[in-house]
Protein backbone atom coordinates (compact mmCIF):
# COMPACT_ATOMS: atom_id res chain seq x y z
CA MET A 1 8.26 328.11 -43.17
CA GLU A 2 10.49 327.45 -46.06
CA TRP A 3 11.16 323.99 -47.36
CA THR A 4 14.93 324.39 -46.79
CA THR A 5 14.35 324.90 -43.06
CA ILE A 6 12.23 321.77 -42.89
CA LEU A 7 14.83 319.81 -44.88
CA LEU A 8 17.67 320.98 -42.62
CA GLY A 9 15.60 320.04 -39.57
CA LEU A 10 15.03 316.54 -40.93
CA VAL A 11 18.72 316.13 -41.76
CA GLY A 12 19.60 317.28 -38.23
CA LEU A 13 17.17 314.76 -36.73
CA CYS A 14 18.65 311.97 -38.86
CA GLY A 15 22.12 312.98 -37.68
CA LEU A 16 21.03 312.88 -34.04
CA TYR A 17 19.49 309.47 -34.62
CA LEU A 18 22.74 308.12 -36.11
CA ILE A 19 24.83 309.57 -33.29
CA GLY A 20 22.44 308.01 -30.79
CA ILE A 21 22.82 304.60 -32.41
CA PHE A 22 26.62 304.81 -32.32
CA ILE A 23 26.57 305.78 -28.64
CA VAL A 24 23.84 303.43 -27.40
CA LYS A 25 25.02 300.18 -29.04
CA PRO A 26 28.45 300.12 -27.33
CA LEU A 27 26.85 301.07 -24.02
CA LYS A 28 24.42 298.16 -24.32
CA PHE A 29 27.35 295.82 -24.99
CA ILE A 30 29.30 297.14 -22.00
CA PHE A 31 26.23 296.88 -19.76
CA LYS A 32 25.62 293.30 -20.88
CA LEU A 33 29.28 292.38 -20.26
CA VAL A 34 29.16 293.91 -16.76
CA MET A 35 25.97 291.97 -16.00
CA TYR A 36 27.67 288.74 -17.14
CA LEU A 37 30.60 289.50 -14.84
CA VAL A 38 28.30 290.16 -11.88
CA ILE A 39 26.29 286.98 -12.49
CA GLY A 40 29.51 284.98 -12.89
CA ALA A 41 30.94 286.42 -9.68
CA LEU A 42 27.78 285.60 -7.73
CA LEU A 43 27.68 282.05 -9.08
CA LEU A 44 31.35 281.42 -8.31
CA ILE A 45 31.14 282.93 -4.83
CA PHE A 46 28.09 280.79 -4.08
CA PHE A 47 29.82 277.70 -5.46
CA ASN A 48 33.03 278.41 -3.52
CA LEU A 49 31.05 278.83 -0.29
CA ILE A 50 29.33 275.49 -0.75
CA SER A 51 32.35 273.57 -2.06
CA SER A 52 34.81 274.89 0.56
CA HIS A 53 33.73 271.99 2.80
CA PHE A 54 35.04 269.57 0.18
CA GLY A 55 38.32 271.40 -0.48
CA ILE A 56 37.34 272.60 -3.96
CA HIS A 57 38.03 276.18 -4.99
CA ILE A 58 37.59 277.94 -8.32
CA PRO A 59 39.58 281.20 -8.45
CA LEU A 60 37.91 284.47 -9.39
CA ASN A 61 39.57 285.97 -12.46
CA PRO A 62 38.20 287.52 -15.67
CA PHE A 63 38.24 284.19 -17.56
CA THR A 64 36.29 282.32 -14.91
CA LEU A 65 33.88 285.22 -14.35
CA ILE A 66 33.03 285.52 -18.04
CA THR A 67 32.74 281.74 -18.44
CA ALA A 68 30.45 281.43 -15.43
CA GLY A 69 28.48 284.54 -16.43
CA VAL A 70 27.84 283.64 -20.05
CA LEU A 71 27.30 279.90 -19.60
CA GLN A 72 25.93 280.21 -16.03
CA VAL A 73 25.51 276.82 -14.26
CA PRO A 74 27.00 274.75 -17.12
CA GLY A 75 29.93 277.19 -17.10
CA VAL A 76 30.55 276.58 -13.40
CA ILE A 77 30.40 272.81 -14.03
CA LEU A 78 32.86 273.27 -16.91
CA LEU A 79 35.21 275.24 -14.66
CA LEU A 80 34.90 272.57 -12.00
CA LEU A 81 35.81 269.87 -14.52
CA MET A 82 38.74 271.94 -15.78
CA GLU A 83 39.96 272.45 -12.22
CA TYR A 84 39.66 268.71 -11.53
CA MET A 85 41.41 267.71 -14.78
CA LEU A 86 44.27 270.20 -14.56
CA PHE A 87 45.13 269.83 -10.88
């Protein structure tokens, strides 16, 4: 083989590596965001089921889902305090 063929092969592999990085990083971010939303939804649904006996309800919207998903239990407590303070 000639050295130009090897060099072009290495450049092609580097290009594929860079394209892979630019595709995989945003997909990881989107996957992580979706997982936060799912965790937040599960936490809020569980909380709303338990607290419905006391007349407390936290609505499900993107803000509350992301807050409950990222902060988890402290986020639900924060949302509960915000609901209590605002209404």
